[in-house]
Amino acid sequence: GLASNSNWFKEKRHLMKMCTTIISTTAEGNL
């Protein structure tokens, strides 16, 4: 799911599809 009140979202909403996200931790503890 994606929700937003940004202009970008309003313009691209009809083109959006599910995507894959990989999250990993860096050596500094960031993502």
All heavy atoms as atom14 arrays in JSON, in Angstrom:
{
  "sequence": "GLASNSNWFKEKRHLMKMCTTIISTTAEGNL",
  "atom14_mask": [
    [1, 1, 1, 1, 0, 0, 0, 0, 0, 0, 0, 0, 0, 0],
    [1, 1, 1, 1, 1, 1, 1, 1, 0, 0, 0, 0, 0, 0],
    [1, 1, 1, 1, 1, 0, 0, 0, 0, 0, 0, 0, 0, 0],
    [1, 1, 1, 1, 1, 1, 0, 0, 0, 0, 0, 0, 0, 0],
    [1, 1, 1, 1, 1, 1, 1, 1, 0, 0, 0, 0, 0, 0],
    [1, 1, 1, 1, 1, 1, 0, 0, 0, 0, 0, 0, 0, 0],
    [1, 1, 1, 1, 1, 1, 1, 1, 0, 0, 0, 0, 0, 0],
    [1, 1, 1, 1, 1, 1, 1, 1, 1, 1, 1, 1, 1, 1],
    [1, 1, 1, 1, 1, 1, 1, 1, 1, 1, 1, 0, 0, 0],
    [1, 1, 1, 1, 1, 1, 1, 1, 1, 0, 0, 0, 0, 0],
    [1, 1, 1, 1, 1, 1, 1, 1, 1, 0, 0, 0, 0, 0],
    [1, 1, 1, 1, 1, 1, 1, 1, 1, 0, 0, 0, 0, 0],
    [1, 1, 1, 1, 1, 1, 1, 1, 1, 1, 1, 0, 0, 0],
    [1, 1, 1, 1, 1, 1, 1, 1, 1, 1, 0, 0, 0, 0],
    [1, 1, 1, 1, 1, 1, 1, 1, 0, 0, 0, 0, 0, 0],
    [1, 1, 1, 1, 1, 1, 1, 1, 0, 0, 0, 0, 0, 0],
    [1, 1, 1, 1, 1, 1, 1, 1, 1, 0, 0, 0, 0, 0],
    [1, 1, 1, 1, 1, 1, 1, 1, 0, 0, 0, 0, 0, 0],
    [1, 1, 1, 1, 1, 1, 0, 0, 0, 0, 0, 0, 0, 0],
    [1, 1, 1, 1, 1, 1, 1, 0, 0, 0, 0, 0, 0, 0],
    [1, 1, 1, 1, 1, 1, 1, 0, 0, 0, 0, 0, 0, 0],
    [1, 1, 1, 1, 1, 1, 1, 1, 0, 0, 0, 0, 0, 0],
    [1, 1, 1, 1, 1, 1, 1, 1, 0, 0, 0, 0, 0, 0],
    [1, 1, 1, 1, 1, 1, 0, 0, 0, 0, 0, 0, 0, 0],
    [1, 1, 1, 1, 1, 1, 1, 0, 0, 0, 0, 0, 0, 0],
    [1, 1, 1, 1, 1, 1, 1, 0, 0, 0, 0, 0, 0, 0],
    [1, 1, 1, 1, 1, 0, 0, 0, 0, 0, 0, 0, 0, 0],
    [1, 1, 1, 1, 1, 1, 1, 1, 1, 0, 0, 0, 0, 0],
    [1, 1, 1, 1, 0, 0, 0, 0, 0, 0, 0, 0, 0, 0],
    [1, 1, 1, 1, 1, 1, 1, 1, 0, 0, 0, 0, 0, 0],
    [1, 1, 1, 1, 1, 1, 1, 1, 0, 0, 0, 0, 0, 0]
  ],
  "atom14_positions": [
    [[0.82, -1.2, 0.0], [0.0, 0.0, 0.0], [0.85, 1.25, 0.0], [1.95, 1.27, 0.57], [0.0, 0.0, 0.0], [0.0, 0.0, 0.0], [0.0, 0.0, 0.0], [0.0, 0.0, 0.0], [0.0, 0.0, 0.0], [0.0, 0.0, 0.0], [0.0, 0.0, 0.0], [0.0, 0.0, 0.0], [0.0, 0.0, 0.0], [0.0, 0.0, 0.0]],
    [[0.36, 2.3, -0.64], [1.04, 3.59, -0.68], [-0.03, 4.67, -0.6], [-1.02, 4.63, -1.33], [1.86, 3.73, -1.97], [2.56, 5.06, -2.2], [3.6, 5.34, -1.11], [3.23, 5.07, -3.57], [0.0, 0.0, 0.0], [0.0, 0.0, 0.0], [0.0, 0.0, 0.0], [0.0, 0.0, 0.0], [0.0, 0.0, 0.0], [0.0, 0.0, 0.0]],
    [[0.19, 5.62, 0.3], [-0.72, 6.75, 0.43], [0.13, 8.02, 0.51], [1.18, 8.03, 1.15], [-1.57, 6.61, 1.69], [0.0, 0.0, 0.0], [0.0, 0.0, 0.0], [0.0, 0.0, 0.0], [0.0, 0.0, 0.0], [0.0, 0.0, 0.0], [0.0, 0.0, 0.0], [0.0, 0.0, 0.0], [0.0, 0.0, 0.0], [0.0, 0.0, 0.0]],
    [[-0.32, 9.08, -0.17], [0.44, 10.32, -0.14], [-0.43, 11.48, -0.62], [-1.31, 11.29, -1.45], [1.68, 10.21, -1.03], [2.42, 11.43, -1.0], [0.0, 0.0, 0.0], [0.0, 0.0, 0.0], [0.0, 0.0, 0.0], [0.0, 0.0, 0.0], [0.0, 0.0, 0.0], [0.0, 0.0, 0.0], [0.0, 0.0, 0.0], [0.0, 0.0, 0.0]],
    [[-0.13, 12.65, -0.1], [-0.8, 13.86, -0.57], [0.15, 14.71, -1.42], [-0.08, 15.89, -1.65], [-1.37, 14.68, 0.59], [-0.31, 15.05, 1.62], [0.88, 14.74, 1.46], [-0.73, 15.69, 2.69], [0.0, 0.0, 0.0], [0.0, 0.0, 0.0], [0.0, 0.0, 0.0], [0.0, 0.0, 0.0], [0.0, 0.0, 0.0], [0.0, 0.0, 0.0]],
    [[1.24, 14.12, -1.93], [2.19, 14.84, -2.76], [1.67, 14.96, -4.2], [0.9, 14.12, -4.67], [3.54, 14.13, -2.78], [3.46, 12.92, -3.49], [0.0, 0.0, 0.0], [0.0, 0.0, 0.0], [0.0, 0.0, 0.0], [0.0, 0.0, 0.0], [0.0, 0.0, 0.0], [0.0, 0.0, 0.0], [0.0, 0.0, 0.0], [0.0, 0.0, 0.0]],
    [[2.11, 15.99, -4.89], [1.74, 16.16, -6.29], [2.29, 15.01, -7.13], [1.63, 14.55, -8.06], [2.27, 17.5, -6.82], [1.52, 18.66, -6.22], [0.36, 18.54, -5.85], [2.19, 19.78, -6.09], [0.0, 0.0, 0.0], [0.0, 0.0, 0.0], [0.0, 0.0, 0.0], [0.0, 0.0, 0.0], [0.0, 0.0, 0.0], [0.0, 0.0, 0.0]],
    [[3.5, 14.54, -6.8], [4.11, 13.42, -7.52], [3.19, 12.2, -7.49], [2.98, 11.55, -8.5], [5.46, 13.12, -6.86], [6.03, 11.78, -7.22], [6.77, 11.48, -8.32], [5.9, 10.57, -6.48], [7.1, 10.14, -8.31], [6.58, 9.55, -7.18], [5.28, 10.23, -5.27], [6.66, 8.25, -6.75], [5.35, 8.92, -4.84], [6.04, 7.96, -5.56]],
    [[2.64, 11.89, -6.32], [1.76, 10.73, -6.18], [0.5, 10.92, -7.01], [0.06, 10.0, -7.71], [1.41, 10.51, -4.71], [0.47, 9.37, -4.47], [0.92, 8.06, -4.52], [-0.87, 9.58, -4.22], [0.06, 6.99, -4.31], [-1.74, 8.52, -4.0], [-1.27, 7.23, -4.05], [0.0, 0.0, 0.0], [0.0, 0.0, 0.0], [0.0, 0.0, 0.0]],
    [[-0.08, 12.11, -6.96], [-1.32, 12.37, -7.71], [-1.1, 12.21, -9.21], [-1.95, 11.69, -9.92], [-1.83, 13.77, -7.38], [-2.33, 13.89, -5.96], [-2.64, 15.33, -5.59], [-2.95, 15.41, -4.11], [-3.04, 16.77, -3.62], [0.0, 0.0, 0.0], [0.0, 0.0, 0.0], [0.0, 0.0, 0.0], [0.0, 0.0, 0.0], [0.0, 0.0, 0.0]],
    [[0.08, 12.62, -9.7], [0.39, 12.52, -11.13], [0.69, 11.09, -11.56], [0.37, 10.68, -12.67], [1.59, 13.4, -11.47], [1.31, 14.89, -11.34], [2.58, 15.73, -11.39], [3.67, 15.19, -11.69], [2.47, 16.93, -11.12], [0.0, 0.0, 0.0], [0.0, 0.0, 0.0], [0.0, 0.0, 0.0], [0.0, 0.0, 0.0], [0.0, 0.0, 0.0]],
    [[1.33, 10.29, -10.69], [1.8, 8.96, -11.06], [0.95, 7.81, -10.52], [1.21, 6.66, -10.83], [3.24, 8.75, -10.57], [4.21, 9.8, -11.02], [4.55, 9.63, -12.47], [5.61, 10.63, -12.89], [5.84, 10.65, -14.3], [0.0, 0.0, 0.0], [0.0, 0.0, 0.0], [0.0, 0.0, 0.0], [0.0, 0.0, 0.0], [0.0, 0.0, 0.0]],
    [[-0.05, 8.11, -9.75], [-0.86, 7.1, -9.07], [-1.34, 5.99, -10.0], [-1.26, 4.81, -9.68], [-2.04, 7.8, -8.4], [-3.05, 6.89, -7.79], [-4.29, 7.67, -7.36], [-5.35, 6.72, -7.12], [-5.75, 6.33, -5.93], [-5.21, 6.84, -4.86], [-6.71, 5.44, -5.8], [0.0, 0.0, 0.0], [0.0, 0.0, 0.0], [0.0, 0.0, 0.0]],
    [[-1.83, 6.35, -11.15], [-2.39, 5.37, -12.1], [-1.33, 4.43, -12.69], [-1.66, 3.39, -13.25], [-3.15, 6.09, -13.21], [-2.27, 6.92, -14.1], [-1.73, 8.12, -13.69], [-1.82, 6.71, -15.36], [-0.99, 8.62, -14.66], [-1.02, 7.78, -15.69], [0.0, 0.0, 0.0], [0.0, 0.0, 0.0], [0.0, 0.0, 0.0], [0.0, 0.0, 0.0]],
    [[-0.05, 4.77, -12.56], [1.03, 3.95, -13.11], [1.67, 3.03, -12.07], [2.45, 2.15, -12.43], [2.14, 4.85, -13.67], [1.75, 5.81, -14.8], [2.89, 6.77, -15.1], [1.35, 5.02, -16.03], [0.0, 0.0, 0.0], [0.0, 0.0, 0.0], [0.0, 0.0, 0.0], [0.0, 0.0, 0.0], [0.0, 0.0, 0.0], [0.0, 0.0, 0.0]],
    [[1.36, 3.23, -10.81], [2.07, 2.54, -9.74], [1.67, 1.08, -9.6], [0.51, 0.73, -9.73], [1.85, 3.27, -8.42], [2.48, 4.62, -8.43], [2.31, 5.39, -6.83], [3.13, 6.92, -7.17], [0.0, 0.0, 0.0], [0.0, 0.0, 0.0], [0.0, 0.0, 0.0], [0.0, 0.0, 0.0], [0.0, 0.0, 0.0], [0.0, 0.0, 0.0]],
    [[2.7, 0.27, -9.3], [2.5, -1.15, -9.05], [3.36, -1.56, -7.85], [4.25, -0.82, -7.43], [2.91, -1.97, -10.27], [2.0, -1.78, -11.48], [2.31, -2.81, -12.52], [1.42, -2.86, -13.7], [0.61, -1.83, -14.1], [0.0, 0.0, 0.0], [0.0, 0.0, 0.0], [0.0, 0.0, 0.0], [0.0, 0.0, 0.0], [0.0, 0.0, 0.0]],
    [[3.09, -2.73, -7.34], [3.84, -3.28, -6.22], [5.33, -3.33, -6.57], [5.69, -3.62, -7.71], [3.31, -4.69, -5.93], [3.92, -5.36, -4.74], [3.28, -7.04, -4.55], [1.55, -6.73, -4.24], [0.0, 0.0, 0.0], [0.0, 0.0, 0.0], [0.0, 0.0, 0.0], [0.0, 0.0, 0.0], [0.0, 0.0, 0.0], [0.0, 0.0, 0.0]],
    [[6.18, -3.06, -5.6], [7.61, -3.19, -5.82], [8.23, -4.02, -4.7], [7.58, -4.3, -3.69], [8.29, -1.84, -5.94], [8.51, -0.92, -4.43], [0.0, 0.0, 0.0], [0.0, 0.0, 0.0], [0.0, 0.0, 0.0], [0.0, 0.0, 0.0], [0.0, 0.0, 0.0], [0.0, 0.0, 0.0], [0.0, 0.0, 0.0], [0.0, 0.0, 0.0]],
    [[9.46, -4.43, -4.92], [10.2, -5.22, -3.94], [11.23, -4.31, -3.27], [11.9, -3.53, -3.96], [10.93, -6.39, -4.62], [9.97, -7.18, -5.29], [11.66, -7.24, -3.6], [0.0, 0.0, 0.0], [0.0, 0.0, 0.0], [0.0, 0.0, 0.0], [0.0, 0.0, 0.0], [0.0, 0.0, 0.0], [0.0, 0.0, 0.0], [0.0, 0.0, 0.0]],
    [[11.33, -4.39, -1.96], [12.3, -3.59, -1.21], [13.14, -4.52, -0.36], [12.6, -5.38, 0.34], [11.58, -2.55, -0.34], [10.83, -1.67, -1.2], [12.55, -1.74, 0.49], [0.0, 0.0, 0.0], [0.0, 0.0, 0.0], [0.0, 0.0, 0.0], [0.0, 0.0, 0.0], [0.0, 0.0, 0.0], [0.0, 0.0, 0.0], [0.0, 0.0, 0.0]],
    [[14.45, -4.34, -0.42], [15.39, -5.08, 0.42], [15.97, -4.09, 1.42], [16.51, -3.05, 1.04], [16.53, -5.72, -0.4], [15.99, -6.58, -1.54], [17.48, -6.49, 0.52], [15.28, -7.83, -1.12], [0.0, 0.0, 0.0], [0.0, 0.0, 0.0], [0.0, 0.0, 0.0], [0.0, 0.0, 0.0], [0.0, 0.0, 0.0], [0.0, 0.0, 0.0]],
    [[15.85, -4.41, 2.7], [16.38, -3.55, 3.77], [17.54, -4.28, 4.42], [17.42, -5.44, 4.81], [15.3, -3.22, 4.82], [14.12, -2.49, 4.16], [15.89, -2.4, 5.96], [12.95, -2.22, 5.08], [0.0, 0.0, 0.0], [0.0, 0.0, 0.0], [0.0, 0.0, 0.0], [0.0, 0.0, 0.0], [0.0, 0.0, 0.0], [0.0, 0.0, 0.0]],
    [[18.68, -3.59, 4.52], [19.84, -4.15, 5.21], [20.45, -3.08, 6.11], [20.2, -1.88, 5.93], [20.87, -4.67, 4.2], [21.24, -3.64, 3.31], [0.0, 0.0, 0.0], [0.0, 0.0, 0.0], [0.0, 0.0, 0.0], [0.0, 0.0, 0.0], [0.0, 0.0, 0.0], [0.0, 0.0, 0.0], [0.0, 0.0, 0.0], [0.0, 0.0, 0.0]],
    [[21.22, -3.52, 7.08], [21.85, -2.6, 8.03], [23.3, -2.35, 7.59], [24.01, -3.27, 7.22], [21.85, -3.2, 9.45], [20.48, -3.49, 9.8], [22.4, -2.24, 10.47], [0.0, 0.0, 0.0], [0.0, 0.0, 0.0], [0.0, 0.0, 0.0], [0.0, 0.0, 0.0], [0.0, 0.0, 0.0], [0.0, 0.0, 0.0], [0.0, 0.0, 0.0]],
    [[23.71, -1.08, 7.64], [25.1, -0.73, 7.32], [25.97, -0.92, 8.55], [25.46, -1.08, 9.67], [25.21, 0.73, 6.84], [24.9, 1.59, 7.94], [24.27, 1.02, 5.67], [0.0, 0.0, 0.0], [0.0, 0.0, 0.0], [0.0, 0.0, 0.0], [0.0, 0.0, 0.0], [0.0, 0.0, 0.0], [0.0, 0.0, 0.0], [0.0, 0.0, 0.0]],
    [[27.28, -0.84, 8.38], [28.22, -0.97, 9.49], [27.99, 0.12, 10.54], [28.23, -0.1, 11.73], [29.66, -0.91, 8.98], [0.0, 0.0, 0.0], [0.0, 0.0, 0.0], [0.0, 0.0, 0.0], [0.0, 0.0, 0.0], [0.0, 0.0, 0.0], [0.0, 0.0, 0.0], [0.0, 0.0, 0.0], [0.0, 0.0, 0.0], [0.0, 0.0, 0.0]],
    [[27.48, 1.27, 10.1], [27.23, 2.39, 11.02], [25.88, 2.27, 11.73], [25.54, 3.11, 12.56], [27.27, 3.73, 10.26], [28.61, 4.05, 9.63], [28.84, 3.3, 8.3], [27.84, 2.92, 7.63], [30.01, 3.08, 7.96], [0.0, 0.0, 0.0], [0.0, 0.0, 0.0], [0.0, 0.0, 0.0], [0.0, 0.0, 0.0], [0.0, 0.0, 0.0]],
    [[25.09, 1.25, 11.39], [23.8, 1.07, 12.03], [22.66, 1.78, 11.33], [21.55, 1.86, 11.85], [0.0, 0.0, 0.0], [0.0, 0.0, 0.0], [0.0, 0.0, 0.0], [0.0, 0.0, 0.0], [0.0, 0.0, 0.0], [0.0, 0.0, 0.0], [0.0, 0.0, 0.0], [0.0, 0.0, 0.0], [0.0, 0.0, 0.0], [0.0, 0.0, 0.0]],
    [[22.9, 2.29, 10.12], [21.84, 2.91, 9.33], [21.17, 1.84, 8.49], [21.59, 0.69, 8.49], [22.43, 4.01, 8.45], [23.07, 5.11, 9.28], [22.51, 5.56, 10.27], [24.26, 5.54, 8.89], [0.0, 0.0, 0.0], [0.0, 0.0, 0.0], [0.0, 0.0, 0.0], [0.0, 0.0, 0.0], [0.0, 0.0, 0.0], [0.0, 0.0, 0.0]],
    [[20.12, 2.22, 7.75], [19.44, 1.26, 6.9], [19.7, 1.57, 5.43], [19.51, 2.71, 4.98], [17.92, 1.3, 7.14], [17.42, 0.8, 8.49], [15.9, 0.91, 8.55], [17.87, -0.63, 8.74], [0.0, 0.0, 0.0], [0.0, 0.0, 0.0], [0.0, 0.0, 0.0], [0.0, 0.0, 0.0], [0.0, 0.0, 0.0], [0.0, 0.0, 0.0]]
  ]
}
